[in-house]
Amino acid sequence: MTGIPTALHLTESELKMFMNTYKQHMSAIGTEECDQYAIRNITKVKRNIPERCFEVYFKNGEWFKYYTNGTLG
Protein backbone atom coordinates (compact mmCIF):
# COMPACT_ATOMS: atom_id res chain seq x y z
CA MET A 1 0.00 0.00 0.00
CA THR A 2 2.86 2.39 0.66
CA GLY A 3 4.68 4.40 -1.96
CA ILE A 4 6.78 6.02 0.76
CA PRO A 5 10.15 4.28 1.06
CA THR A 6 10.81 5.91 4.45
CA ALA A 7 7.53 4.54 5.83
CA LEU A 8 7.84 0.88 4.88
CA HIS A 9 8.12 -0.04 8.57
CA LEU A 10 4.60 1.24 9.33
CA THR A 11 1.72 -1.18 9.60
CA GLU A 12 -1.26 -0.72 7.30
CA SER A 13 -3.31 0.97 10.05
CA GLU A 14 -0.38 3.24 10.99
CA LEU A 15 0.05 4.21 7.35
CA LYS A 16 -3.63 5.13 7.12
CA MET A 17 -3.28 7.38 10.20
CA PHE A 18 -0.11 8.89 8.77
CA MET A 19 -1.69 9.59 5.38
CA ASN A 20 -4.78 11.13 6.98
CA THR A 21 -2.61 13.66 8.81
CA TYR A 22 -0.39 14.18 5.75
CA LYS A 23 -3.47 15.17 3.74
CA GLN A 24 -4.48 17.60 6.50
CA HIS A 25 -0.97 19.08 6.40
CA MET A 26 -1.08 19.56 2.64
CA SER A 27 -4.50 21.21 2.76
CA ALA A 28 -3.31 23.65 5.45
CA ILE A 29 -0.34 25.05 3.52
CA GLY A 30 -0.07 27.15 0.38
CA THR A 31 0.56 25.65 -3.03
CA GLU A 32 4.09 27.08 -3.13
CA GLU A 33 4.98 25.18 0.05
CA CYS A 34 3.41 21.92 -1.06
CA ASP A 35 6.43 20.96 -3.16
CA GLN A 36 8.75 21.22 -0.13
CA TYR A 37 6.54 18.77 1.75
CA ALA A 38 5.78 16.35 -1.07
CA ILE A 39 5.96 12.64 -0.26
CA ARG A 40 9.23 12.39 -2.22
CA ASN A 41 10.82 14.89 0.19
CA ILE A 42 10.16 12.87 3.34
CA THR A 43 13.50 11.61 4.66
CA LYS A 44 12.35 9.78 7.79
CA VAL A 45 9.17 8.71 9.57
CA LYS A 46 9.66 7.77 13.21
CA ARG A 47 7.06 6.36 15.62
CA ASN A 48 6.68 8.30 18.87
CA ILE A 49 4.52 5.92 20.88
CA PRO A 50 4.39 7.92 24.17
CA GLU A 51 3.03 10.97 22.31
CA ARG A 52 0.88 8.90 19.92
CA CYS A 53 2.35 10.51 16.83
CA PHE A 54 4.75 10.07 13.94
CA GLU A 55 7.74 12.36 13.65
CA VAL A 56 8.04 13.23 9.97
CA TYR A 57 11.31 14.69 8.68
CA PHE A 58 11.71 16.50 5.36
CA LYS A 59 14.68 17.27 3.08
CA ASN A 60 14.44 20.98 3.91
CA GLY A 61 15.38 20.18 7.53
CA GLU A 62 11.94 20.76 9.00
CA TRP A 63 9.98 18.12 10.85
CA PHE A 64 6.45 17.80 12.17
CA LYS A 65 4.53 15.60 14.56
CA TYR A 66 1.66 13.87 12.81
CA TYR A 67 -0.74 12.82 15.57
CA THR A 68 -2.89 9.73 15.21
CA ASN A 69 -6.06 11.82 15.63
CA GLY A 70 -5.31 13.65 12.36
CA THR A 71 -3.77 16.81 13.80
CA LEU A 72 -0.27 18.08 13.29
CA GLY A 73 2.21 19.84 15.51
PDB file of N, CA and C in Angstrom:
ATOM      1  N   MET A   1       0.815  -1.198   0.000  1.00  0.00           N
ATOM      2  CA  MET A   1       0.000   0.000   0.000  1.00  0.00           C
ATOM      3  C   MET A   1       0.857   1.260   0.000  1.00  0.00           C
ATOM      4  N   THR A   2       2.056   1.178   0.529  1.00  0.00           N
ATOM      5  CA  THR A   2       2.862   2.390   0.661  1.00  0.00           C
ATOM      6  C   THR A   2       3.703   2.672  -0.567  1.00  0.00           C
ATOM      7  N   GLY A   3       3.775   3.941  -0.933  1.00  0.00           N
ATOM      8  CA  GLY A   3       4.681   4.400  -1.962  1.00  0.00           C
ATOM      9  C   GLY A   3       5.717   5.309  -1.328  1.00  0.00           C
ATOM     10  N   ILE A   4       5.874   5.166  -0.005  1.00  0.00           N
ATOM     11  CA  ILE A   4       6.777   6.019   0.759  1.00  0.00           C
ATOM     12  C   ILE A   4       7.909   5.142   1.291  1.00  0.00           C
ATOM     13  N   PRO A   5       9.062   5.157   0.633  1.00  0.00           N
ATOM     14  CA  PRO A   5      10.151   4.283   1.064  1.00  0.00           C
ATOM     15  C   PRO A   5      10.542   4.457   2.533  1.00  0.00           C
ATOM     16  N   THR A   6      10.422   5.662   3.057  1.00  0.00           N
ATOM     17  CA  THR A   6      10.812   5.907   4.447  1.00  0.00           C
ATOM     18  C   THR A   6       9.732   5.497   5.443  1.00  0.00           C
ATOM     19  N   ALA A   7       8.615   4.965   4.949  1.00  0.00           N
ATOM     20  CA  ALA A   7       7.527   4.543   5.835  1.00  0.00           C
ATOM     21  C   ALA A   7       7.202   3.063   5.675  1.00  0.00           C
ATOM     22  N   LEU A   8       8.096   2.299   5.102  1.00  0.00           N
ATOM     23  CA  LEU A   8       7.842   0.875   4.881  1.00  0.00           C
ATOM     24  C   LEU A   8       7.671   0.106   6.185  1.00  0.00           C
ATOM     25  N   HIS A   9       8.211   0.634   7.274  1.00  0.00           N
ATOM     26  CA  HIS A   9       8.124  -0.036   8.569  1.00  0.00           C
ATOM     27  C   HIS A   9       6.762   0.140   9.248  1.00  0.00           C
ATOM     28  N   LEU A  10       5.914   1.013   8.728  1.00  0.00           N
ATOM     29  CA  LEU A  10       4.603   1.244   9.325  1.00  0.00           C
ATOM     30  C   LEU A  10       3.635   0.124   8.958  1.00  0.00           C
ATOM     31  N   THR A  11       2.766  -0.205   9.901  1.00  0.00           N
ATOM     32  CA  THR A  11       1.715  -1.175   9.603  1.00  0.00           C
ATOM     33  C   THR A  11       0.680  -0.503   8.702  1.00  0.00           C
ATOM     34  N   GLU A  12      -0.230  -1.283   8.173  1.00  0.00           N
ATOM     35  CA  GLU A  12      -1.261  -0.721   7.301  1.00  0.00           C
ATOM     36  C   GLU A  12      -2.113   0.309   8.047  1.00  0.00           C
ATOM     37  N   SER A  13      -2.488   0.010   9.288  1.00  0.00           N
ATOM     38  CA  SER A  13      -3.305   0.969  10.049  1.00  0.00           C
ATOM     39  C   SER A  13      -2.507   2.219  10.406  1.00  0.00           C
ATOM     40  N   GLU A  14      -1.221   2.070  10.717  1.00  0.00           N
ATOM     41  CA  GLU A  14      -0.380   3.239  10.987  1.00  0.00           C
ATOM     42  C   GLU A  14      -0.247   4.105   9.737  1.00  0.00           C
ATOM     43  N   LEU A  15      -0.083   3.466   8.604  1.00  0.00           N
ATOM     44  CA  LEU A  15       0.050   4.207   7.352  1.00  0.00           C
ATOM     45  C   LEU A  15      -1.222   4.999   7.046  1.00  0.00           C
ATOM     46  N   LYS A  16      -2.368   4.414   7.328  1.00  0.00           N
ATOM     47  CA  LYS A  16      -3.631   5.133   7.120  1.00  0.00           C
ATOM     48  C   LYS A  16      -3.697   6.372   8.008  1.00  0.00           C
ATOM     49  N   MET A  17      -3.296   6.223   9.287  1.00  0.00           N
ATOM     50  CA  MET A  17      -3.284   7.377  10.197  1.00  0.00           C
ATOM     51  C   MET A  17      -2.303   8.433   9.702  1.00  0.00           C
ATOM     52  N   PHE A  18      -1.132   7.984   9.286  1.00  0.00           N
ATOM     53  CA  PHE A  18      -0.110   8.893   8.770  1.00  0.00           C
ATOM     54  C   PHE A  18      -0.632   9.668   7.561  1.00  0.00           C
ATOM     55  N   MET A  19      -1.211   8.956   6.603  1.00  0.00           N
ATOM     56  CA  MET A  19      -1.690   9.594   5.378  1.00  0.00           C
ATOM     57  C   MET A  19      -2.846  10.556   5.650  1.00  0.00           C
ATOM     58  N   ASN A  20      -3.695  10.232   6.612  1.00  0.00           N
ATOM     59  CA  ASN A  20      -4.785  11.133   6.978  1.00  0.00           C
ATOM     60  C   ASN A  20      -4.215  12.476   7.449  1.00  0.00           C
ATOM     61  N   THR A  21      -3.212  12.424   8.310  1.00  0.00           N
ATOM     62  CA  THR A  21      -2.612  13.664   8.809  1.00  0.00           C
ATOM     63  C   THR A  21      -1.808  14.353   7.718  1.00  0.00           C
ATOM     64  N   TYR A  22      -1.138  13.586   6.864  1.00  0.00           N
ATOM     65  CA  TYR A  22      -0.391  14.180   5.754  1.00  0.00           C
ATOM     66  C   TYR A  22      -1.334  14.993   4.859  1.00  0.00           C
ATOM     67  N   LYS A  23      -2.492  14.450   4.573  1.00  0.00           N
ATOM     68  CA  LYS A  23      -3.472  15.168   3.741  1.00  0.00           C
ATOM     69  C   LYS A  23      -3.927  16.455   4.426  1.00  0.00           C
ATOM     70  N   GLN A  24      -4.117  16.394   5.746  1.00  0.00           N
ATOM     71  CA  GLN A  24      -4.482  17.602   6.499  1.00  0.00           C
ATOM     72  C   GLN A  24      -3.374  18.642   6.398  1.00  0.00           C
ATOM     73  N   HIS A  25      -2.134  18.196   6.504  1.00  0.00           N
ATOM     74  CA  HIS A  25      -0.973  19.083   6.402  1.00  0.00           C
ATOM     75  C   HIS A  25      -0.956  19.765   5.040  1.00  0.00           C
ATOM     76  N   MET A  26      -1.128  18.991   3.983  1.00  0.00           N
ATOM     77  CA  MET A  26      -1.083  19.555   2.636  1.00  0.00           C
ATOM     78  C   MET A  26      -2.220  20.549   2.392  1.00  0.00           C
ATOM     79  N   SER A  27      -3.379  20.293   2.970  1.00  0.00           N
ATOM     80  CA  SER A  27      -4.500  21.215   2.760  1.00  0.00           C
ATOM     81  C   SER A  27      -4.355  22.498   3.580  1.00  0.00           C
ATOM     82  N   ALA A  28      -3.480  22.475   4.584  1.00  0.00           N
ATOM     83  CA  ALA A  28      -3.309  23.648   5.452  1.00  0.00           C
ATOM     84  C   ALA A  28      -2.232  24.615   4.964  1.00  0.00           C
ATOM     85  N   ILE A  29      -1.434  24.193   3.983  1.00  0.00           N
ATOM     86  CA  ILE A  29      -0.342  25.053   3.518  1.00  0.00           C
ATOM     87  C   ILE A  29      -0.619  25.549   2.104  1.00  0.00           C
ATOM     88  N   GLY A  30       0.094  26.587   1.716  1.00  0.00           N
ATOM     89  CA  GLY A  30      -0.065  27.152   0.382  1.00  0.00           C
ATOM     90  C   GLY A  30       0.520  26.255  -0.689  1.00  0.00           C
ATOM     91  N   THR A  31       0.098  26.487  -1.920  1.00  0.00           N
ATOM     92  CA  THR A  31       0.556  25.651  -3.030  1.00  0.00           C
ATOM     93  C   THR A  31       2.058  25.763  -3.252  1.00  0.00           C
ATOM     94  N   GLU A  32       2.645  26.922  -2.958  1.00  0.00           N
ATOM     95  CA  GLU A  32       4.091  27.076  -3.128  1.00  0.00           C
ATOM     96  C   GLU A  32       4.860  26.198  -2.148  1.00  0.00           C
ATOM     97  N   GLU A  33       4.313  26.006  -0.953  1.00  0.00           N
ATOM     98  CA  GLU A  33       4.983  25.183   0.047  1.00  0.00           C
ATOM     99  C   GLU A  33       4.780  23.693  -0.186  1.00  0.00           C
ATOM    100  N   CYS A  34       3.734  23.332  -0.881  1.00  0.00           N
ATOM    101  CA  CYS A  34       3.405  21.915  -1.064  1.00  0.00           C
ATOM    102  C   CYS A  34       4.568  21.117  -1.635  1.00  0.00           C
ATOM    103  N   ASP A  35       5.321  21.696  -2.560  1.00  0.00           N
ATOM    104  CA  ASP A  35       6.431  20.960  -3.163  1.00  0.00           C
ATOM    105  C   ASP A  35       7.489  20.595  -2.128  1.00  0.00           C
ATOM    106  N   GLN A  36       7.754  21.496  -1.176  1.00  0.00           N
ATOM    107  CA  GLN A  36       8.751  21.216  -0.133  1.00  0.00           C
ATOM    108  C   GLN A  36       8.355  20.022   0.723  1.00  0.00           C
ATOM    109  N   TYR A  37       7.041  19.812   0.868  1.00  0.00           N
ATOM    110  CA  TYR A  37       6.539  18.770   1.755  1.00  0.00           C
ATOM    111  C   TYR A  37       5.906  17.606   0.999  1.00  0.00           C
ATOM    112  N   ALA A  38       6.274  17.469  -0.269  1.00  0.00           N
ATOM    113  CA  ALA A  38       5.781  16.350  -1.072  1.00  0.00           C
ATOM    114  C   ALA A  38       6.306  15.036  -0.491  1.00  0.00           C
ATOM    115  N   ILE A  39       5.580  13.974  -0.740  1.00  0.00           N
ATOM    116  CA  ILE A  39       5.964  12.638  -0.262  1.00  0.00           C
ATOM    117  C   ILE A  39       7.421  12.336  -0.597  1.00  0.00           C
ATOM    118  N   ARG A  40       7.859  12.704  -1.790  1.00  0.00           N
ATOM    119  CA  ARG A  40       9.233  12.393  -2.219  1.00  0.00           C
ATOM    120  C   ARG A  40      10.284  13.103  -1.371  1.00  0.00           C
ATOM    121  N   ASN A  41       9.881  14.135  -0.631  1.00  0.00           N
ATOM    122  CA  ASN A  41      10.822  14.889   0.192  1.00  0.00           C
ATOM    123  C   ASN A  41      10.831  14.465   1.656  1.00  0.00           C
ATOM    124  N   ILE A  42      10.124  13.398   1.982  1.00  0.00           N
ATOM    125  CA  ILE A  42      10.161  12.865   3.344  1.00  0.00           C
ATOM    126  C   ILE A  42      11.420  12.022   3.477  1.00  0.00           C
ATOM    127  N   THR A  43      12.252  12.347   4.464  1.00  0.00           N
ATOM    128  CA  THR A  43      13.503  11.613   4.656  1.00  0.00           C
ATOM    129  C   THR A  43      13.412  10.560   5.749  1.00  0.00           C
ATOM    130  N   LYS A  44      12.478  10.750   6.695  1.00  0.00           N
ATOM    131  CA  LYS A  44      12.349   9.780   7.790  1.00  0.00           C
ATOM    132  C   LYS A  44      10.969   9.903   8.422  1.00  0.00           C
ATOM    133  N   VAL A  45      10.411   8.762   8.788  1.00  0.00           N
ATOM    134  CA  VAL A  45       9.174   8.709   9.567  1.00  0.00           C
ATOM    135  C   VAL A  45       9.475   7.847  10.787  1.00  0.00           C
ATOM    136  N   LYS A  46       9.308   8.445  11.956  1.00  0.00           N
ATOM    137  CA  LYS A  46       9.655   7.765  13.207  1.00  0.00           C
ATOM    138  C   LYS A  46       8.424   7.685  14.102  1.00  0.00           C
ATOM    139  N   ARG A  47       8.161   6.509  14.656  1.00  0.00           N
ATOM    140  CA  ARG A  47       7.063   6.363  15.616  1.00  0.00           C
ATOM    141  C   ARG A  47       7.449   7.043  16.928  1.00  0.00           C
ATOM    142  N   ASN A  48       6.506   7.743  17.527  1.00  0.00           N
ATOM    143  CA  ASN A  48       6.682   8.299  18.869  1.00  0.00           C
ATOM    144  C   ASN A  48       5.487   7.784  19.666  1.00  0.00           C
ATOM    145  N   ILE A  49       5.636   6.604  20.215  1.00  0.00           N
ATOM    146  CA  ILE A  49       4.524   5.923  20.877  1.00  0.00           C
ATOM    147  C   ILE A  49       4.019   6.679  22.110  1.00  0.00           C
ATOM    148  N   PRO A  50       4.905   7.195  22.994  1.00  0.00           N
ATOM    149  CA  PRO A  50       4.391   7.920  24.168  1.00  0.00           C
ATOM    150  C   PRO A  50       3.508   9.119  23.813  1.00  0.00           C
ATOM    151  N   GLU A  51       3.818   9.803  22.716  1.00  0.00           N
ATOM    152  CA  GLU A  51       3.034  10.970  22.311  1.00  0.00           C
ATOM    153  C   GLU A  51       1.958  10.640  21.278  1.00  0.00           C
ATOM    154  N   ARG A  52       1.873   9.374  20.900  1.00  0.00           N
ATOM    155  CA  ARG A  52       0.884   8.903  19.918  1.00  0.00           C
ATOM    156  C   ARG A  52       0.954   9.701  18.621  1.00  0.00           C
ATOM    157  N   CYS A  53       2.166   9.768  18.081  1.00  0.00           N
ATOM    158  CA  CYS A  53       2.349  10.511  16.831  1.00  0.00           C
ATOM    159  C   CYS A  53       3.482   9.891  16.022  1.00  0.00           C
ATOM    160  N   PHE A  54       3.619  10.397  14.807  1.00  0.00           N
ATOM    161  CA  PHE A  54       4.747  10.067  13.944  1.00  0.00           C
ATOM    162  C   PHE A  54       5.566  11.334  13.791  1.00  0.00           C
ATOM    163  N   GLU A  55       6.864  11.225  13.918  1.00  0.00           N
ATOM    164  CA  GLU A  55       7.744  12.361  13.654  1.00  0.00           C
ATOM    165  C   GLU A  55       8.162  12.244  12.196  1.00  0.00           C
ATOM    166  N   VAL A  56       7.837  13.269  11.419  1.00  0.00           N
ATOM    167  CA  VAL A  56       8.043  13.233   9.971  1.00  0.00           C
ATOM    168  C   VAL A  56       9.084  14.283   9.605  1.00  0.00           C
ATOM    169  N   TYR A  57      10.182  13.829   9.014  1.00  0.00           N
ATOM    170  CA  TYR A  57      11.314  14.691   8.678  1.00  0.00           C
ATOM    171  C   TYR A  57      11.378  14.897   7.167  1.00  0.00           C
ATOM    172  N   PHE A  58      11.669  16.134   6.773  1.00  0.00           N
ATOM    173  CA  PHE A  58      11.707  16.505   5.357  1.00  0.00           C
ATOM    174  C   PHE A  58      13.102  16.956   4.942  1.00  0.00           C
ATOM    175  N   LYS A  59      13.379  16.891   3.636  1.00  0.00           N
ATOM    176  CA  LYS A  59      14.684  17.272   3.084  1.00  0.00           C
ATOM    177  C   LYS A  59      15.086  18.696   3.428  1.00  0.00           C
ATOM    178  N   ASN A  60      14.116  19.584   3.620  1.00  0.00           N
ATOM    179  CA  ASN A  60      14.444  20.982   3.914  1.00  0.00           C
ATOM    180  C   ASN A  60      14.868  21.189   5.371  1.00  0.00           C
ATOM    181  N   GLY A  61      14.939  20.109   6.147  1.00  0.00           N
ATOM    182  CA  GLY A  61      15.384  20.177   7.532  1.00  0.00           C
ATOM    183  C   GLY A  61      14.261  20.338   8.545  1.00  0.00           C
ATOM    184  N   GLU A  62      13.058  20.603   8.080  1.00  0.00           N
ATOM    185  CA  GLU A  62      11.935  20.759   9.004  1.00  0.00           C
ATOM    186  C   GLU A  62      11.331  19.400   9.334  1.00  0.00           C
ATOM    187  N   TRP A  63      10.694  19.338  10.489  1.00  0.00           N
ATOM    188  CA  TRP A  63       9.977  18.124  10.855  1.00  0.00           C
ATOM    189  C   TRP A  63       8.715  18.500  11.610  1.00  0.00           C
ATOM    190  N   PHE A  64       7.748  17.587  11.562  1.00  0.00           N
ATOM    191  CA  PHE A  64       6.447  17.804  12.173  1.00  0.00           C
ATOM    192  C   PHE A  64       6.030  16.548  12.914  1.00  0.00           C
ATOM    193  N   LYS A  65       5.163  16.733  13.887  1.00  0.00           N
ATOM    194  CA  LYS A  65       4.532  15.604  14.558  1.00  0.00           C
ATOM    195  C   LYS A  65       3.161  15.417  13.929  1.00  0.00           C
ATOM    196  N   TYR A  66       2.942  14.229  13.383  1.00  0.00           N
ATOM    197  CA  TYR A  66       1.655  13.865  12.810  1.00  0.00           C
ATOM    198  C   TYR A  66       0.952  12.985  13.845  1.00  0.00           C
ATOM    199  N   TYR A  67      -0.040  13.549  14.516  1.00  0.00           N
ATOM    200  CA  TYR A  67      -0.744  12.820  15.566  1.00  0.00           C
ATOM    201  C   TYR A  67      -1.757  11.854  14.977  1.00  0.00           C
ATOM    202  N   THR A  68      -2.003  10.779  15.708  1.00  0.00           N
ATOM    203  CA  THR A  68      -2.888   9.729  15.210  1.00  0.00           C
ATOM    204  C   THR A  68      -4.344  10.172  15.117  1.00  0.00           C
ATOM    205  N   ASN A  69      -4.690  11.313  15.729  1.00  0.00           N
ATOM    206  CA  ASN A  69      -6.060  11.823  15.631  1.00  0.00           C
ATOM    207  C   ASN A  69      -6.246  12.741  14.422  1.00  0.00           C
ATOM    208  N   GLY A  70      -5.208  12.864  13.583  1.00  0.00           N
ATOM    209  CA  GLY A  70      -5.307  13.649  12.357  1.00  0.00           C
ATOM    210  C   GLY A  70      -4.800  15.074  12.464  1.00  0.00           C
ATOM    211  N   THR A  71      -4.304  15.460  13.641  1.00  0.00           N
ATOM    212  CA  THR A  71      -3.773  16.814  13.797  1.00  0.00           C
ATOM    213  C   THR A  71      -2.263  16.802  13.615  1.00  0.00           C
ATOM    214  N   LEU A  72      -1.712  18.001  13.483  1.00  0.00           N
ATOM    215  CA  LEU A  72      -0.275  18.085  13.289  1.00  0.00           C
ATOM    216  C   LEU A  72       0.304  19.133  14.215  1.00  0.00           C
ATOM    217  N   GLY A  73       1.545  18.909  14.601  1.00  0.00           N
ATOM    218  CA  GLY A  73       2.210  19.837  15.510  1.00  0.00           C
ATOM    219  C   GLY A  73       3.652  20.034  15.136  1.00  0.00           C
TER     220      GLY A  73
END
